[in-house]
Protein backbone atom coordinates (compact mmCIF):
# COMPACT_ATOMS: atom_id res chain seq x y z
CA UNK A 1 -35.72 16.79 54.31
CA UNK A 2 -37.40 19.06 51.72
CA UNK A 3 -34.02 20.01 50.25
CA UNK A 4 -33.12 16.36 49.88
CA UNK A 5 -36.42 15.62 48.11
CA UNK A 6 -35.92 18.58 45.76
CA UNK A 7 -32.37 17.46 44.95
CA UNK A 8 -33.60 13.92 44.30
CA UNK A 9 -36.39 15.23 42.06
CA UNK A 10 -33.84 17.32 40.08
CA UNK A 11 -31.62 14.26 39.71
CA UNK A 12 -34.51 12.13 38.48
CA UNK A 13 -35.68 14.86 36.10
CA UNK A 14 -32.12 15.29 34.80
CA UNK A 15 -31.76 11.56 34.17
CA UNK A 16 -35.11 11.53 32.37
CA UNK A 17 -34.04 14.46 30.18
CA UNK A 18 -30.74 12.74 29.40
CA UNK A 19 -32.55 9.54 28.47
CA UNK A 20 -35.01 11.42 26.28
CA UNK A 21 -32.19 13.30 24.56
CA UNK A 22 -30.30 10.04 23.88
CA UNK A 23 -33.46 8.41 22.52
CA UNK A 24 -34.27 11.42 20.30
CA UNK A 25 -30.70 11.51 18.99
CA UNK A 26 -30.81 7.81 18.20
CA UNK A 27 -34.15 8.15 16.38
CA UNK A 28 -32.95 11.27 14.51
CA UNK A 29 -29.85 9.47 13.22
CA UNK A 30 -31.82 6.31 12.39
CA UNK A 31 -34.31 8.37 10.37
CA UNK A 32 -31.54 9.44 8.04
CA UNK A 33 -29.41 6.30 8.04
CA UNK A 34 -29.71 5.96 4.25
CA UNK A 35 -28.41 9.50 3.76
CA UNK A 36 -25.60 9.04 6.27
CA UNK A 37 -24.27 6.14 4.23
CA UNK A 38 -24.17 8.32 1.11
CA UNK A 39 -22.68 11.36 2.86
CA UNK A 40 -20.03 9.30 4.67
CA UNK A 41 -19.05 7.24 1.64
CA UNK A 42 -15.32 7.17 0.97
CA UNK A 43 -16.15 7.65 -2.71
CA UNK A 44 -17.19 11.19 -1.86
CA UNK A 45 -13.49 12.04 -1.53
CA UNK A 46 -12.57 10.64 -4.91
CA UNK A 47 -15.48 11.85 -7.04
CA UNK A 48 -14.55 13.03 -10.48
CA UNK A 49 -16.57 15.32 -12.68
CA UNK A 50 -17.35 18.95 -13.30
CA UNK A 51 -15.76 20.87 -10.41
CA UNK A 52 -18.98 22.74 -9.56
CA UNK A 53 -20.95 19.47 -9.26
CA UNK A 54 -18.26 17.78 -7.20
CA UNK A 55 -18.01 20.82 -4.90
CA UNK A 56 -21.81 20.95 -4.48
CA UNK A 57 -21.97 17.23 -3.65
CA UNK A 58 -19.18 17.55 -1.07
CA UNK A 59 -20.81 20.62 0.49
CA UNK A 60 -24.18 18.89 0.78
CA UNK A 61 -22.54 15.78 2.24
CA UNK A 62 -20.77 17.93 4.83
CA UNK A 63 -24.00 19.71 5.81
CA UNK A 64 -25.83 16.40 6.07
CA UNK A 65 -23.13 14.85 8.25
CA UNK A 66 -23.19 17.86 10.57
CA UNK A 67 -26.99 18.00 10.84
CA UNK A 68 -27.53 14.27 11.26
CA UNK A 69 -24.88 13.88 13.96
CA UNK A 70 -26.33 16.66 16.12
CA UNK A 71 -28.82 15.95 18.89
CA UNK A 72 -32.26 17.30 17.92
CA UNK A 73 -33.05 18.20 21.53
CA UNK A 74 -29.73 19.56 22.77
CA UNK A 75 -28.39 20.97 19.49
CA UNK A 76 -31.50 22.14 17.65
CA UNK A 77 -30.06 25.64 17.12
CA UNK A 78 -26.93 24.20 15.50
CA UNK A 79 -29.04 21.98 13.25
CA UNK A 80 -31.18 24.94 12.19
CA UNK A 81 -28.08 27.07 11.49
CA UNK A 82 -26.45 24.29 9.47
CA UNK A 83 -29.57 23.78 7.35
CA UNK A 84 -30.73 27.40 7.23
CA UNK A 85 -34.30 26.67 8.33
CA UNK A 86 -36.41 27.13 11.47
CA UNK A 87 -38.11 24.33 13.38
CA UNK A 88 -37.30 20.66 13.69
CA UNK A 89 -39.94 19.62 11.14
CA UNK A 90 -38.41 22.00 8.59
CA UNK A 91 -34.97 20.62 9.45
CA UNK A 92 -36.09 17.05 8.77
CA UNK A 93 -37.64 18.14 5.47
CA UNK A 94 -34.45 20.02 4.51
CA UNK A 95 -32.30 16.97 5.30
CA UNK A 96 -34.49 14.89 2.98
CA UNK A 97 -34.38 17.59 0.27
CA UNK A 98 -30.57 17.83 0.47
CA UNK A 99 -30.36 14.05 0.53
CA UNK A 100 -32.37 13.81 -2.67
CA UNK A 101 -30.12 16.41 -4.32
CA UNK A 102 -26.99 14.60 -3.13
CA UNK A 103 -28.29 11.26 -4.38
CA UNK A 104 -29.00 12.77 -7.81
CA UNK A 105 -25.57 14.44 -7.98
CA UNK A 106 -23.75 11.26 -6.95
CA UNK A 107 -25.70 9.19 -9.49
CA UNK A 108 -24.91 11.71 -12.22
CA UNK A 109 -21.22 11.83 -11.30
CA UNK A 110 -21.00 8.03 -11.14
CA UNK A 111 -22.71 7.72 -14.51
CA UNK A 112 -20.28 10.25 -16.01
CA UNK A 113 -17.33 8.42 -14.53
CA UNK A 114 -18.59 5.08 -15.87
CA UNK A 115 -18.70 6.62 -19.36
CA UNK A 116 -15.00 7.52 -19.25
CA UNK A 117 -12.61 5.41 -21.31
CA UNK A 118 -11.52 2.27 -19.46
CA UNK A 119 -7.88 3.39 -19.33
CA UNK A 120 -8.92 6.64 -17.64
CA UNK A 121 -11.10 4.77 -15.12
CA UNK A 122 -8.18 2.50 -14.28
CA UNK A 123 -5.84 5.44 -13.70
CA UNK A 124 -8.43 7.13 -11.48
CA UNK A 125 -8.90 3.96 -9.43
CA UNK A 126 -5.16 3.48 -9.05
CA UNK A 127 -4.65 7.15 -8.15
CA UNK A 128 -7.20 6.78 -5.32
CA UNK A 129 -5.18 4.01 -3.67
CA UNK A 130 -2.59 4.79 -1.02
CA UNK A 131 0.25 3.97 -3.39
CA UNK A 132 -1.20 6.32 -6.01
CA UNK A 133 -0.44 6.31 -9.70
CA UNK A 134 3.30 6.16 -10.49
CA UNK A 135 4.35 9.16 -12.54
CA UNK A 136 6.71 6.94 -14.54
CA UNK A 137 3.65 5.09 -15.87
CA UNK A 138 2.24 8.29 -17.38
CA UNK A 139 2.52 8.13 -21.17
CA UNK A 140 1.76 10.81 -23.72
CA UNK A 141 -1.30 8.83 -24.82
CA UNK A 142 -2.56 8.47 -21.27
CA UNK A 143 -1.98 12.16 -20.58
CA UNK A 144 -3.98 13.00 -23.71
CA UNK A 145 -6.80 10.63 -22.66
CA UNK A 146 -6.97 12.21 -19.19
CA UNK A 147 -7.02 15.69 -20.71
CA UNK A 148 -9.76 14.76 -23.21
CA UNK A 149 -11.81 13.18 -20.42
CA UNK A 150 -11.58 16.43 -18.47
CA UNK A 151 -10.07 14.80 -15.39
CA UNK A 152 -6.52 16.04 -15.60
CA UNK A 153 -7.35 18.81 -13.11
CA UNK A 154 -7.89 16.05 -10.52
CA UNK A 155 -4.19 15.17 -10.50
CA UNK A 156 -1.38 16.69 -8.49
CA UNK A 157 2.17 15.48 -8.00
CA UNK A 158 3.47 14.86 -4.47
CA UNK A 159 6.53 13.08 -3.26
CA UNK A 160 5.96 9.86 -1.36
């Protein structure tokens, strides 16, 4: 009888812990919903700009995705390792700090891209589509415009 009561108590305690962990995970993710949208944005893949800025933005987005998707009760060590800080409060603060930096980088990169000549913007948009930018449409003038805009390094040639 005592063994059965102890087993039942363990089951109840386990279910309570599971419920608490699910609730905490849900609240953790909801707290950073605004940052998740930025970090998960498809535009992150197609950002154009100075390679160091683009790399930094992608790295931050990756860290944010990893930290936000972890469970703050079950995976606190992984969150702390990802963010390089100790304690859940420090983790939350670091997520916000990285989010602010990512937001600033993305805004800067978007502003830079908006300042590019229209023909360059159009090529970049077309190149991001599944069909890509046809190499036969590349003219000397367009090649020069891409080079002058500093985005030529973003292009590679692959066979479809």
